[in-house]
Amino acid sequence: MGVLRKTLNWYAKLSPSRGRINPPYEHVTQIGDPTLRKISEDVPLDKIRSPEIQNIITILQHVLKNYGSVGMSAPQIGINKRIFVMRHTIKEIKSELPEIIKSRCMYEIPLTVYVNPRLKVLDYKKVVHTEGCESIRSFQAEVARYQAVQVSGYNGDGEETCHSYHGWPARIVQHEMDHLDGKLYTDIMDCKSLQCICWDEVNLSKGKIAIPFRPE
């Protein structure tokens, strides 16, 4: 273990909430966590409404809202089950510049739960946009994704569901489906486009900047 790792572990032990806990977590796992690289398992249909699976869904929704994200998968809270949630609110969309909203084809998505989702590509044209991930905190890169997709599976009540998405919502779906297959956007990104989103702040603060891994 290197000096930096030892120092980080020492600081972690000083945290008021120190100590290992079992998943599902209420924080987002970070790149390097083995859970993010495993292929997730299907949820047995007769278990979707079980307390265990309902708890996972509830925590996923909580973490999604707490982090202000548009998508969150079970591996990101330490669980290798094929479940993800997504939403994109009008408020979040309006916080973007009009030209960004138009170029990325953003539109509202209500809070949606997918269990055992299956992906079908509807439009094989790929579009490149900058993409980030809560599991690769404070970095982003350009990623090519299919323009339109269809997702089928089950909702949180165990009912069959199927929706089609295009533009930014289609990107969210593909990103979350990758998580369920043990993949990250770094696997398919334009490597030269990878950047720390706070690189300028690092320079302005002469390197004295902290990057939180969980909202306050």
Protein backbone atom coordinates (compact mmCIF):
# COMPACT_ATOMS: atom_id res chain seq x y z
CA MET A 1 0.00 0.00 0.00
CA GLY A 2 1.47 3.34 -1.09
CA VAL A 3 1.93 6.41 1.09
CA LEU A 4 -1.09 8.16 -0.45
CA ARG A 5 -3.32 5.13 0.11
CA LYS A 6 -2.15 4.83 3.73
CA THR A 7 -2.86 8.53 4.29
CA LEU A 8 -6.35 8.26 2.80
CA ASN A 9 -7.11 5.21 4.94
CA TRP A 10 -5.91 7.08 8.03
CA TYR A 11 -8.24 9.99 7.27
CA ALA A 12 -11.13 7.62 6.56
CA LYS A 13 -10.72 6.11 10.02
CA LEU A 14 -11.21 9.57 11.53
CA SER A 15 -14.65 9.89 9.95
CA PRO A 16 -17.54 9.94 12.44
CA SER A 17 -19.25 7.24 10.36
CA ARG A 18 -16.10 5.14 9.94
CA GLY A 19 -16.25 1.37 9.61
CA ARG A 20 -17.35 -0.99 6.89
CA ILE A 21 -21.03 -1.43 6.15
CA ASN A 22 -22.82 -3.92 3.96
CA PRO A 23 -24.51 -2.89 0.70
CA PRO A 24 -26.81 -1.56 -0.52
CA TYR A 25 -24.93 1.64 0.20
CA GLU A 26 -26.33 5.16 0.37
CA HIS A 27 -23.21 6.41 -1.39
CA VAL A 28 -21.96 5.68 -4.90
CA THR A 29 -19.15 3.16 -5.41
CA GLN A 30 -16.10 4.41 -7.29
CA ILE A 31 -14.05 3.02 -10.17
CA GLY A 32 -11.77 0.33 -8.77
CA ASP A 33 -14.55 -1.28 -6.74
CA PRO A 34 -14.82 -4.88 -8.08
CA THR A 35 -18.63 -4.64 -8.02
CA LEU A 36 -18.52 -2.23 -10.95
CA ARG A 37 -16.74 -4.80 -13.11
CA LYS A 38 -19.01 -7.78 -12.52
CA ILE A 39 -21.90 -8.80 -14.77
CA SER A 40 -25.04 -8.40 -12.69
CA GLU A 41 -27.54 -11.19 -12.14
CA ASP A 42 -31.20 -11.20 -13.12
CA VAL A 43 -33.71 -10.82 -10.33
CA PRO A 44 -36.06 -13.86 -10.06
CA LEU A 45 -39.51 -12.62 -11.05
CA ASP A 46 -41.11 -13.90 -7.87
CA LYS A 47 -38.58 -11.88 -5.85
CA ILE A 48 -39.19 -8.44 -7.39
CA ARG A 49 -41.72 -7.49 -4.75
CA SER A 50 -39.71 -9.03 -1.91
CA PRO A 51 -38.49 -6.73 0.91
CA GLU A 52 -34.87 -7.21 -0.24
CA ILE A 53 -35.44 -6.04 -3.82
CA GLN A 54 -37.87 -3.29 -2.80
CA ASN A 55 -35.23 -1.98 -0.39
CA ILE A 56 -32.64 -1.89 -3.18
CA ILE A 57 -35.07 0.06 -5.39
CA THR A 58 -35.87 2.49 -2.58
CA ILE A 59 -32.19 3.16 -1.88
CA LEU A 60 -31.45 3.56 -5.60
CA GLN A 61 -34.16 6.21 -5.83
CA HIS A 62 -32.84 7.95 -2.72
CA VAL A 63 -29.25 8.02 -4.01
CA LEU A 64 -30.41 9.19 -7.45
CA LYS A 65 -32.22 12.15 -5.91
CA ASN A 66 -29.53 12.89 -3.31
CA TYR A 67 -26.78 13.07 -5.93
CA GLY A 68 -28.95 14.95 -8.41
CA SER A 69 -28.25 12.30 -11.04
CA VAL A 70 -30.26 11.22 -14.07
CA GLY A 71 -29.54 7.50 -13.72
CA MET A 72 -28.34 5.07 -11.07
CA SER A 73 -27.70 1.32 -11.26
CA ALA A 74 -27.60 -1.33 -8.53
CA PRO A 75 -23.83 -1.97 -8.94
CA GLN A 76 -23.26 1.68 -8.08
CA ILE A 77 -24.64 1.03 -4.60
CA GLY A 78 -22.73 -2.23 -4.25
CA ILE A 79 -25.34 -4.72 -5.51
CA ASN A 80 -24.86 -6.89 -8.61
CA LYS A 81 -28.51 -7.15 -9.57
CA ARG A 82 -29.96 -6.06 -12.92
CA ILE A 83 -31.83 -3.02 -11.67
CA PHE A 84 -31.53 0.65 -12.56
CA VAL A 85 -33.55 3.81 -12.09
CA MET A 86 -33.64 6.97 -14.19
CA ARG A 87 -35.27 10.37 -14.33
CA HIS A 88 -34.61 13.80 -15.81
CA THR A 89 -36.68 16.63 -14.41
CA ILE A 90 -37.77 19.84 -16.13
CA LYS A 91 -35.87 21.78 -13.46
CA GLU A 92 -32.65 19.91 -14.25
CA ILE A 93 -33.13 20.42 -17.98
CA LYS A 94 -33.81 24.15 -17.62
CA SER A 95 -30.52 24.54 -15.75
CA GLU A 96 -28.73 23.79 -19.05
CA LEU A 97 -28.08 26.28 -21.84
CA PRO A 98 -30.74 26.23 -24.62
CA GLU A 99 -28.18 25.14 -27.22
CA ILE A 100 -27.12 22.22 -25.00
CA ILE A 101 -30.74 21.11 -24.52
CA LYS A 102 -31.30 21.20 -28.27
CA SER A 103 -28.06 19.54 -29.37
CA ARG A 104 -28.43 16.72 -26.82
CA CYS A 105 -32.17 16.36 -27.43
CA MET A 106 -33.08 16.49 -23.73
CA TYR A 107 -36.64 15.96 -22.55
CA GLU A 108 -38.35 15.09 -19.29
CA ILE A 109 -38.24 11.53 -18.01
CA PRO A 110 -40.40 10.62 -15.00
CA LEU A 111 -38.87 8.50 -12.26
CA THR A 112 -38.68 5.06 -13.87
CA VAL A 113 -37.56 1.69 -12.48
CA TYR A 114 -36.23 -1.14 -14.64
CA VAL A 115 -35.69 -4.67 -13.37
CA ASN A 116 -34.05 -7.23 -15.69
CA PRO A 117 -33.96 -4.72 -18.56
CA ARG A 118 -33.22 -5.76 -22.12
CA LEU A 119 -31.94 -3.29 -24.70
CA LYS A 120 -32.84 -3.09 -28.39
CA VAL A 121 -31.20 -0.57 -30.69
CA LEU A 122 -33.73 1.34 -32.81
CA ASP A 123 -31.34 3.72 -34.56
CA TYR A 124 -27.77 2.57 -35.14
CA LYS A 125 -26.53 6.09 -35.84
CA LYS A 126 -24.07 7.04 -33.12
CA VAL A 127 -23.86 10.51 -31.63
CA VAL A 128 -20.89 11.84 -29.64
CA HIS A 129 -21.46 13.91 -26.50
CA THR A 130 -19.60 14.60 -23.28
CA GLU A 131 -20.57 12.13 -20.57
CA GLY A 132 -19.86 11.77 -16.86
CA CYS A 133 -20.55 9.20 -14.17
CA GLU A 134 -21.04 9.38 -10.41
CA SER A 135 -18.72 6.35 -10.15
CA ILE A 136 -15.91 8.30 -11.84
CA ARG A 137 -16.34 11.42 -9.78
CA SER A 138 -15.22 14.76 -11.24
CA PHE A 139 -14.21 13.42 -14.67
CA GLN A 140 -15.89 13.44 -18.05
CA ALA A 141 -15.14 12.42 -21.64
CA GLU A 142 -16.67 12.25 -25.10
CA VAL A 143 -18.60 9.03 -25.70
CA ALA A 144 -20.42 7.75 -28.80
CA ARG A 145 -23.87 6.27 -28.15
CA TYR A 146 -26.75 5.03 -30.31
CA GLN A 147 -29.34 7.68 -31.13
CA ALA A 148 -32.45 5.64 -30.21
CA VAL A 149 -33.12 2.51 -28.16
CA GLN A 150 -35.93 0.48 -26.66
CA VAL A 151 -35.90 -0.97 -23.15
CA SER A 152 -38.12 -3.84 -22.02
CA GLY A 153 -38.26 -5.54 -18.65
CA TYR A 154 -40.20 -5.13 -15.42
CA ASN A 155 -41.06 -2.20 -13.19
CA GLY A 156 -40.79 -2.06 -9.41
CA ASP A 157 -44.16 -3.80 -9.05
CA GLY A 158 -43.07 -6.75 -11.18
CA GLU A 159 -45.18 -5.67 -14.16
CA GLU A 160 -43.87 -5.91 -17.71
CA THR A 161 -42.82 -2.57 -19.17
CA CYS A 162 -41.36 -1.33 -22.43
CA HIS A 163 -40.31 2.18 -23.48
CA SER A 164 -38.49 3.76 -26.41
CA TYR A 165 -36.05 6.65 -25.99
CA HIS A 166 -34.07 8.91 -28.27
CA GLY A 167 -31.48 11.60 -27.71
CA TRP A 168 -30.22 12.16 -24.18
CA PRO A 169 -32.59 9.67 -22.48
CA ALA A 170 -31.32 6.96 -24.88
CA ARG A 171 -27.79 7.81 -23.71
CA ILE A 172 -28.81 7.49 -20.06
CA VAL A 173 -30.29 4.05 -20.72
CA GLN A 174 -27.17 2.81 -22.53
CA HIS A 175 -24.94 4.16 -19.76
CA GLU A 176 -26.93 2.33 -17.06
CA MET A 177 -27.15 -0.87 -19.09
CA ASP A 178 -23.35 -0.80 -19.37
CA HIS A 179 -23.13 -0.72 -15.57
CA LEU A 180 -25.22 -3.90 -15.39
CA ASP A 181 -22.74 -5.58 -17.73
CA GLY A 182 -19.69 -4.52 -15.73
CA LYS A 183 -18.72 -1.74 -18.13
CA LEU A 184 -17.87 1.94 -17.64
CA TYR A 185 -17.83 4.80 -20.12
CA THR A 186 -14.04 4.82 -19.88
CA ASP A 187 -14.10 1.54 -21.86
CA ILE A 188 -15.52 3.24 -24.97
CA MET A 189 -14.62 6.93 -24.54
CA ASP A 190 -12.38 9.03 -26.75
CA CYS A 191 -9.33 8.69 -24.48
CA LYS A 192 -7.85 12.06 -25.41
CA SER A 193 -11.06 13.84 -24.37
CA LEU A 194 -10.93 12.64 -20.73
CA GLN A 195 -10.72 15.59 -18.38
CA CYS A 196 -11.13 16.55 -14.75
CA ILE A 197 -14.11 18.91 -14.68
CA CYS A 198 -12.49 21.05 -11.99
CA TRP A 199 -9.01 21.34 -13.54
CA ASP A 200 -9.22 25.15 -13.54
CA GLU A 201 -10.22 25.26 -9.87
CA VAL A 202 -7.22 23.06 -9.07
CA ASN A 203 -4.95 25.68 -10.62
CA LEU A 204 -6.75 28.61 -9.00
CA SER A 205 -6.50 27.00 -5.56
CA LYS A 206 -2.87 25.95 -6.13
CA GLY A 207 -3.96 22.35 -5.72
CA LYS A 208 -5.66 22.88 -2.37
CA ILE A 209 -9.08 21.59 -3.34
CA ALA A 210 -11.20 18.74 -2.00
CA ILE A 211 -13.46 16.64 -4.17
CA PRO A 212 -16.44 15.26 -2.18
CA PHE A 213 -17.59 11.75 -3.02
CA ARG A 214 -21.01 12.26 -1.45
CA PRO A 215 -23.33 15.29 -1.29
CA GLU A 216 -23.56 17.06 2.04
